[in-house]
C-alpha atoms as a PDB file:
ATOM      1  CA  UNK A   1       0.038  -0.016  -0.283  1.00  0.00           C
ATOM      2  CA  UNK A   2       2.613   2.361   1.279  1.00  0.00           C
ATOM      3  CA  UNK A   3       4.729   1.621  -1.786  1.00  0.00           C
ATOM      4  CA  UNK A   4       1.788   2.346  -4.702  1.00  0.00           C
ATOM      5  CA  UNK A   5       0.971   5.268  -2.773  1.00  0.00           C
ATOM      6  CA  UNK A   6       4.641   6.441  -3.436  1.00  0.00           C
ATOM      7  CA  UNK A   7       4.167   5.305  -6.982  1.00  0.00           C
ATOM      8  CA  UNK A   8       1.304   7.327  -7.536  1.00  0.00           C
ATOM      9  CA  UNK A   9       3.018  10.668  -6.031  1.00  0.00           C
ATOM     10  CA  UNK A  10       6.419   9.697  -8.496  1.00  0.00           C
ATOM     11  CA  UNK A  11       3.519   9.779 -11.128  1.00  0.00           C
ATOM     12  CA  UNK A  12       1.690  12.941 -10.005  1.00  0.00           C
ATOM     13  CA  UNK A  13       5.230  14.910  -9.808  1.00  0.00           C
ATOM     14  CA  UNK A  14       6.113  13.631 -13.514  1.00  0.00           C
ATOM     15  CA  UNK A  15       2.995  14.514 -14.650  1.00  0.00           C
ATOM     16  CA  UNK A  16       2.989  18.453 -13.595  1.00  0.00           C
ATOM     17  CA  UNK A  17       6.835  18.839 -14.516  1.00  0.00           C
ATOM     18  CA  UNK A  18       6.439  20.820 -17.889  1.00  0.00           C
ATOM     19  CA  UNK A  19       8.032  19.020 -20.821  1.00  0.00           C
ATOM     20  CA  UNK A  20       9.862  21.058 -23.283  1.00  0.00           C
ATOM     21  CA  UNK A  21      10.180  20.043 -26.885  1.00  0.00           C
ATOM     22  CA  UNK A  22      14.087  19.826 -27.698  1.00  0.00           C
ATOM     23  CA  UNK A  23      13.639  21.953 -30.435  1.00  0.00           C
ATOM     24  CA  UNK A  24      11.891  25.262 -31.139  1.00  0.00           C
ATOM     25  CA  UNK A  25      11.729  26.629 -34.714  1.00  0.00           C
ATOM     26  CA  UNK A  26      10.398  29.572 -35.812  1.00  0.00           C
ATOM     27  CA  UNK A  27       9.286  30.199 -39.320  1.00  0.00           C
ATOM     28  CA  UNK A  28       9.335  33.774 -41.307  1.00  0.00           C
ATOM     29  CA  UNK A  29      12.847  35.070 -39.104  1.00  0.00           C
ATOM     30  CA  UNK A  30      14.964  37.533 -41.450  1.00  0.00           C
ATOM     31  CA  UNK A  31      18.700  37.401 -40.684  1.00  0.00           C
ATOM     32  CA  UNK A  32      19.956  40.447 -41.895  1.00  0.00           C
ATOM     33  CA  UNK A  33      23.077  40.337 -44.445  1.00  0.00           C
ATOM     34  CA  UNK A  34      25.421  42.759 -45.860  1.00  0.00           C
ATOM     35  CA  UNK A  35      26.227  43.361 -49.526  1.00  0.00           C
ATOM     36  CA  UNK A  36      30.157  44.226 -49.311  1.00  0.00           C
ATOM     37  CA  UNK A  37      31.557  47.554 -48.391  1.00  0.00           C
ATOM     38  CA  UNK A  38      28.683  50.486 -48.522  1.00  0.00           C
ATOM     39  CA  UNK A  39      27.094  47.914 -50.450  1.00  0.00           C
ATOM     40  CA  UNK A  40      23.961  48.317 -47.640  1.00  0.00           C
ATOM     41  CA  UNK A  41      21.985  45.332 -46.581  1.00  0.00           C
ATOM     42  CA  UNK A  42      19.881  41.989 -47.302  1.00  0.00           C
ATOM     43  CA  UNK A  43      17.379  39.904 -45.769  1.00  0.00           C
ATOM     44  CA  UNK A  44      17.666  36.056 -45.627  1.00  0.00           C
ATOM     45  CA  UNK A  45      14.234  34.969 -44.721  1.00  0.00           C
ATOM     46  CA  UNK A  46      14.206  31.625 -43.200  1.00  0.00           C
ATOM     47  CA  UNK A  47      13.776  29.625 -39.626  1.00  0.00           C
ATOM     48  CA  UNK A  48      15.590  30.380 -36.563  1.00  0.00           C
ATOM     49  CA  UNK A  49      15.813  27.072 -34.084  1.00  0.00           C
ATOM     50  CA  UNK A  50      16.497  26.721 -30.804  1.00  0.00           C
ATOM     51  CA  UNK A  51      17.803  22.912 -30.276  1.00  0.00           C
ATOM     52  CA  UNK A  52      18.042  22.175 -26.453  1.00  0.00           C
ATOM     53  CA  UNK A  53      19.350  18.666 -26.977  1.00  0.00           C
ATOM     54  CA  UNK A  54      22.450  19.710 -29.311  1.00  0.00           C
ATOM     55  CA  UNK A  55      22.517  23.363 -27.249  1.00  0.00           C
ATOM     56  CA  UNK A  56      22.349  25.382 -30.222  1.00  0.00           C
ATOM     57  CA  UNK A  57      20.968  28.250 -32.099  1.00  0.00           C
ATOM     58  CA  UNK A  58      20.854  27.920 -36.026  1.00  0.00           C
ATOM     59  CA  UNK A  59      19.257  30.363 -38.896  1.00  0.00           C
ATOM     60  CA  UNK A  60      18.172  27.979 -41.497  1.00  0.00           C
ATOM     61  CA  UNK A  61      17.552  29.116 -45.323  1.00  0.00           C
ATOM     62  CA  UNK A  62      16.911  27.101 -48.557  1.00  0.00           C
ATOM     63  CA  UNK A  63      18.678  24.411 -46.612  1.00  0.00           C
ATOM     64  CA  UNK A  64      21.371  26.069 -45.538  1.00  0.00           C
ATOM     65  CA  UNK A  65      22.672  27.153 -41.924  1.00  0.00           C
ATOM     66  CA  UNK A  66      23.899  31.168 -41.854  1.00  0.00           C
ATOM     67  CA  UNK A  67      24.112  31.301 -38.336  1.00  0.00           C
ATOM     68  CA  UNK A  68      25.497  28.138 -35.868  1.00  0.00           C
ATOM     69  CA  UNK A  69      26.040  28.916 -32.692  1.00  0.00           C
ATOM     70  CA  UNK A  70      26.291  26.759 -29.538  1.00  0.00           C
ATOM     71  CA  UNK A  71      24.478  28.264 -25.980  1.00  0.00           C
ATOM     72  CA  UNK A  72      27.809  28.946 -23.873  1.00  0.00           C
ATOM     73  CA  UNK A  73      29.332  30.840 -26.996  1.00  0.00           C
ATOM     74  CA  UNK A  74      26.208  33.668 -26.911  1.00  0.00           C
ATOM     75  CA  UNK A  75      27.595  36.238 -24.865  1.00  0.00           C
ATOM     76  CA  UNK A  76      25.010  39.048 -24.866  1.00  0.00           C
ATOM     77  CA  UNK A  77      21.431  39.825 -26.684  1.00  0.00           C
ATOM     78  CA  UNK A  78      19.569  42.703 -27.498  1.00  0.00           C
ATOM     79  CA  UNK A  79      15.985  43.732 -29.174  1.00  0.00           C
ATOM     80  CA  UNK A  80      14.510  46.546 -30.202  1.00  0.00           C
ATOM     81  CA  UNK A  81      11.479  48.239 -31.921  1.00  0.00           C
ATOM     82  CA  UNK A  82      13.432  50.595 -34.642  1.00  0.00           C
ATOM     83  CA  UNK A  83      11.762  52.752 -37.209  1.00  0.00           C
ATOM     84  CA  UNK A  84      15.099  54.098 -38.589  1.00  0.00           C
ATOM     85  CA  UNK A  85      17.348  53.851 -40.364  1.00  0.00           C
ATOM     86  CA  UNK A  86      14.459  52.906 -42.260  1.00  0.00           C
ATOM     87  CA  UNK A  87      15.471  51.747 -45.509  1.00  0.00           C
ATOM     88  CA  UNK A  88      19.348  50.717 -44.818  1.00  0.00           C
ATOM     89  CA  UNK A  89      18.083  47.636 -43.090  1.00  0.00           C
ATOM     90  CA  UNK A  90      14.874  47.198 -45.949  1.00  0.00           C
ATOM     91  CA  UNK A  91      12.292  48.500 -43.612  1.00  0.00           C
ATOM     92  CA  UNK A  92      11.767  48.970 -40.169  1.00  0.00           C
ATOM     93  CA  UNK A  93      10.863  46.053 -37.508  1.00  0.00           C
ATOM     94  CA  UNK A  94      12.121  44.497 -34.586  1.00  0.00           C
ATOM     95  CA  UNK A  95      14.909  43.463 -34.593  1.00  0.00           C
ATOM     96  CA  UNK A  96      16.984  41.088 -32.517  1.00  0.00           C
ATOM     97  CA  UNK A  97      20.979  41.318 -32.694  1.00  0.00           C
ATOM     98  CA  UNK A  98      22.806  38.429 -30.951  1.00  0.00           C
ATOM     99  CA  UNK A  99      26.608  38.842 -30.198  1.00  0.00           C
ATOM    100  CA  UNK A 100      28.518  35.630 -29.134  1.00  0.00           C
ATOM    101  CA  UNK A 101      32.467  34.765 -29.657  1.00  0.00           C
ATOM    102  CA  UNK A 102      32.989  32.376 -32.997  1.00  0.00           C
ATOM    103  CA  UNK A 103      35.322  29.188 -32.089  1.00  0.00           C
ATOM    104  CA  UNK A 104      38.294  31.528 -32.696  1.00  0.00           C
ATOM    105  CA  UNK A 105      37.516  33.277 -29.933  1.00  0.00           C
ATOM    106  CA  UNK A 106      36.801  36.417 -32.169  1.00  0.00           C
ATOM    107  CA  UNK A 107      33.848  38.515 -31.195  1.00  0.00           C
ATOM    108  CA  UNK A 108      30.916  38.431 -33.529  1.00  0.00           C
ATOM    109  CA  UNK A 109      27.011  39.443 -33.811  1.00  0.00           C
ATOM    110  CA  UNK A 110      24.097  38.711 -35.951  1.00  0.00           C
ATOM    111  CA  UNK A 111      21.139  40.473 -36.594  1.00  0.00           C
ATOM    112  CA  UNK A 112      17.645  39.293 -37.075  1.00  0.00           C
ATOM    113  CA  UNK A 113      14.511  41.066 -37.746  1.00  0.00           C
ATOM    114  CA  UNK A 114      11.548  38.677 -36.044  1.00  0.00           C
ATOM    115  CA  UNK A 115       7.723  38.407 -37.208  1.00  0.00           C
ATOM    116  CA  UNK A 116       5.636  40.631 -35.420  1.00  0.00           C
ATOM    117  CA  UNK A 117       3.113  38.085 -34.025  1.00  0.00           C
ATOM    118  CA  UNK A 118       5.524  35.703 -32.912  1.00  0.00           C
ATOM    119  CA  UNK A 119       8.164  37.717 -31.469  1.00  0.00           C
ATOM    120  CA  UNK A 120       7.563  37.865 -28.015  1.00  0.00           C
ATOM    121  CA  UNK A 121       7.541  33.688 -27.601  1.00  0.00           C
ATOM    122  CA  UNK A 122      10.667  33.939 -29.847  1.00  0.00           C
ATOM    123  CA  UNK A 123      12.189  35.711 -27.232  1.00  0.00           C
ATOM    124  CA  UNK A 124      11.059  33.799 -23.862  1.00  0.00           C
ATOM    125  CA  UNK A 125      11.918  30.996 -26.156  1.00  0.00           C
ATOM    126  CA  UNK A 126      15.132  32.073 -26.314  1.00  0.00           C
ATOM    127  CA  UNK A 127      16.027  33.564 -22.713  1.00  0.00           C
ATOM    128  CA  UNK A 128      14.779  30.128 -21.548  1.00  0.00           C
ATOM    129  CA  UNK A 129      16.466  28.203 -23.371  1.00  0.00           C
ATOM    130  CA  UNK A 130      20.309  29.836 -23.585  1.00  0.00           C
ATOM    131  CA  UNK A 131      19.939  31.508 -19.813  1.00  0.00           C
ATOM    132  CA  UNK A 132      20.632  34.663 -21.754  1.00  0.00           C
ATOM    133  CA  UNK A 133      18.751  37.579 -20.597  1.00  0.00           C
ATOM    134  CA  UNK A 134      17.833  39.528 -23.169  1.00  0.00           C
ATOM    135  CA  UNK A 135      17.698  43.224 -22.663  1.00  0.00           C
ATOM    136  CA  UNK A 136      15.339  45.428 -24.294  1.00  0.00           C
ATOM    137  CA  UNK A 137      14.904  49.071 -25.612  1.00  0.00           C
ATOM    138  CA  UNK A 138      17.969  50.622 -27.638  1.00  0.00           C
ATOM    139  CA  UNK A 139      20.921  51.476 -26.684  1.00  0.00           C
ATOM    140  CA  UNK A 140      22.203  55.295 -26.588  1.00  0.00           C
ATOM    141  CA  UNK A 141      25.713  54.857 -28.471  1.00  0.00           C
ATOM    142  CA  UNK A 142      24.435  52.903 -31.556  1.00  0.00           C
ATOM    143  CA  UNK A 143      21.803  51.331 -33.740  1.00  0.00           C
ATOM    144  CA  UNK A 144      20.561  47.537 -32.603  1.00  0.00           C
ATOM    145  CA  UNK A 145      23.775  47.019 -30.924  1.00  0.00           C
ATOM    146  CA  UNK A 146      25.902  48.115 -33.951  1.00  0.00           C
ATOM    147  CA  UNK A 147      28.170  50.599 -34.193  1.00  0.00           C
ATOM    148  CA  UNK A 148      26.620  53.117 -36.334  1.00  0.00           C
ATOM    149  CA  UNK A 149      28.757  53.550 -39.129  1.00  0.00           C
ATOM    150  CA  UNK A 150      28.485  49.758 -39.730  1.00  0.00           C
ATOM    151  CA  UNK A 151      24.869  50.377 -40.643  1.00  0.00           C
ATOM    152  CA  UNK A 152      24.346  53.688 -42.359  1.00  0.00           C
ATOM    153  CA  UNK A 153      27.584  55.261 -42.913  1.00  0.00           C
ATOM    154  CA  UNK A 154      31.351  55.093 -43.187  1.00  0.00           C
ATOM    155  CA  UNK A 155      34.451  55.113 -40.814  1.00  0.00           C
ATOM    156  CA  UNK A 156      37.815  57.490 -41.686  1.00  0.00           C
ATOM    157  CA  UNK A 157      40.807  56.432 -39.810  1.00  0.00           C
ATOM    158  CA  UNK A 158      44.136  58.254 -39.637  1.00  0.00           C
ATOM    159  CA  UNK A 159      46.957  56.927 -38.027  1.00  0.00           C
ATOM    160  CA  UNK A 160      50.306  58.418 -36.675  1.00  0.00           C
ATOM    161  CA  UNK A 161      50.893  60.622 -33.959  1.00  0.00           C
ATOM    162  CA  UNK A 162      48.088  62.077 -32.641  1.00  0.00           C
ATOM    163  CA  UNK A 163      45.480  59.253 -34.479  1.00  0.00           C
ATOM    164  CA  UNK A 164      42.021  59.991 -35.403  1.00  0.00           C
ATOM    165  CA  UNK A 165      38.888  58.295 -36.232  1.00  0.00           C
ATOM    166  CA  UNK A 166      36.026  59.499 -37.977  1.00  0.00           C
ATOM    167  CA  UNK A 167      32.585  58.011 -37.870  1.00  0.00           C
ATOM    168  CA  UNK A 168      30.366  59.199 -40.389  1.00  0.00           C
ATOM    169  CA  UNK A 169      26.865  58.533 -40.183  1.00  0.00           C
ATOM    170  CA  UNK A 170      24.085  60.935 -42.936  1.00  0.00           C
ATOM    171  CA  UNK A 171      20.353  60.715 -42.195  1.00  0.00           C
ATOM    172  CA  UNK A 172      17.257  62.731 -43.003  1.00  0.00           C
ATOM    173  CA  UNK A 173      13.773  63.039 -41.971  1.00  0.00           C
ATOM    174  CA  UNK A 174      12.823  62.893 -45.922  1.00  0.00           C
ATOM    175  CA  UNK A 175      15.061  59.632 -47.056  1.00  0.00           C
ATOM    176  CA  UNK A 176      17.780  57.462 -45.830  1.00  0.00           C
ATOM    177  CA  UNK A 177      21.347  58.249 -46.077  1.00  0.00           C
ATOM    178  CA  UNK A 178      22.115  57.738 -50.093  1.00  0.00           C
ATOM    179  CA  UNK A 179      19.218  61.154 -49.901  1.00  0.00           C
ATOM    180  CA  UNK A 180      20.902  62.922 -47.315  1.00  0.00           C
ATOM    181  CA  UNK A 181      24.216  61.825 -49.522  1.00  0.00           C
ATOM    182  CA  UNK A 182      23.127  63.178 -52.430  1.00  0.00           C
ATOM    183  CA  UNK A 183      21.800  66.587 -50.511  1.00  0.00           C
ATOM    184  CA  UNK A 184      25.175  67.418 -48.707  1.00  0.00           C
ATOM    185  CA  UNK A 185      26.565  66.896 -52.293  1.00  0.00           C
ATOM    186  CA  UNK A 186      24.613  69.896 -53.419  1.00  0.00           C
ATOM    187  CA  UNK A 187      24.742  72.071 -51.032  1.00  0.00           C
ATOM    188  CA  UNK A 188      28.688  72.542 -51.925  1.00  0.00           C
ATOM    189  CA  UNK A 189      26.977  73.617 -55.584  1.00  0.00           C
ATOM    190  CA  UNK A 190      24.030  75.676 -54.744  1.00  0.00           C
ATOM    191  CA  UNK A 191      26.637  77.575 -51.747  1.00  0.00           C
ATOM    192  CA  UNK A 192      29.212  78.293 -54.549  1.00  0.00           C
ATOM    193  CA  UNK A 193      26.291  80.257 -57.285  1.00  0.00           C
ATOM    194  CA  UNK A 194      27.786  83.810 -55.715  1.00  0.00           C
ATOM    195  CA  UNK A 195      31.254  83.004 -55.924  1.00  0.00           C
ATOM    196  CA  UNK A 196      30.878  81.983 -59.239  1.00  0.00           C
ATOM    197  CA  UNK A 197      28.955  84.904 -60.843  1.00  0.00           C
ATOM    198  CA  UNK A 198      31.542  87.082 -58.941  1.00  0.00           C
ATOM    199  CA  UNK A 199      34.541  85.439 -60.935  1.00  0.00           C
ATOM    200  CA  UNK A 200      35.857  87.127 -63.687  1.00  0.00           C
ATOM    201  CA  UNK A 201      35.259  85.165 -67.252  1.00  0.00           C
ATOM    202  CA  UNK A 202      37.112  81.683 -68.236  1.00  0.00           C
ATOM    203  CA  UNK A 203      37.495  78.796 -66.912  1.00  0.00           C
ATOM    204  CA  UNK A 204      37.769  78.225 -62.934  1.00  0.00           C
ATOM    205  CA  UNK A 205      38.425  75.930 -60.317  1.00  0.00           C
ATOM    206  CA  UNK A 206      37.336  74.676 -56.703  1.00  0.00           C
ATOM    207  CA  UNK A 207      41.281  76.561 -56.342  1.00  0.00           C
ATOM    208  CA  UNK A 208      40.390  79.723 -57.571  1.00  0.00           C
ATOM    209  CA  UNK A 209      36.983  80.653 -55.395  1.00  0.00           C
ATOM    210  CA  UNK A 210      36.811  81.770 -52.048  1.00  0.00           C
ATOM    211  CA  UNK A 211      35.809  78.751 -48.855  1.00  0.00           C
ATOM    212  CA  UNK A 212      32.397  78.268 -49.716  1.00  0.00           C
ATOM    213  CA  UNK A 213      30.526  77.814 -46.598  1.00  0.00           C
ATOM    214  CA  UNK A 214      26.905  78.248 -46.451  1.00  0.00           C
ATOM    215  CA  UNK A 215      25.379  82.254 -46.061  1.00  0.00           C
ATOM    216  CA  UNK A 216      26.272  83.776 -42.648  1.00  0.00           C
ATOM    217  CA  UNK A 217      28.797  81.232 -41.175  1.00  0.00           C
ATOM    218  CA  UNK A 218      31.993  82.305 -42.178  1.00  0.00           C
ATOM    219  CA  UNK A 219      33.444  84.960 -43.939  1.00  0.00           C
ATOM    220  CA  UNK A 220      36.224  84.132 -46.227  1.00  0.00           C
ATOM    221  CA  UNK A 221      36.844  87.533 -46.809  1.00  0.00           C
END
């Protein structure tokens, strides 16, 4: 009788324990991939898989594994709903940035755009399986946890004594970074019109013109 009660209690305990699938698969996830130097970004559509048996987080698209990270390689994660920049990452949406170390020990990161309806469940599963706390909200010094110049701009580095590093990031309320660059290029031409009109007839170069700035900003005379 006692053994029977112990057995019944053990069965009830087992039934009360939560049962998790060894593999959680989320479809309609996009992995952000670069097109090369200053070439912008594309999205690869596939599935994000959390495999608790192999203890790996994978992204598969078209039968290929584009991301395969062990749980113990993950270092940090950030979730952010972003509307900026609107075109550099194809569209606004819910993004997840995963920071991890490669097998070589080098740091790396990947950015995923999540399906709106399943984003909350996906984040909860990743936190549960990997034991990584996903930070929520925008970072003050970056876009999606990525240095801004990698997302929408360029970096110029001058090495010497002293050394300089300049991150140039263009944006505009009327368009993307490309629109802002075209406006900036046209500004020099438009602002040079008074100096060109005042110059003597003939062929002139920028070396023959005074320093061109916006009106009222600097007196070159």
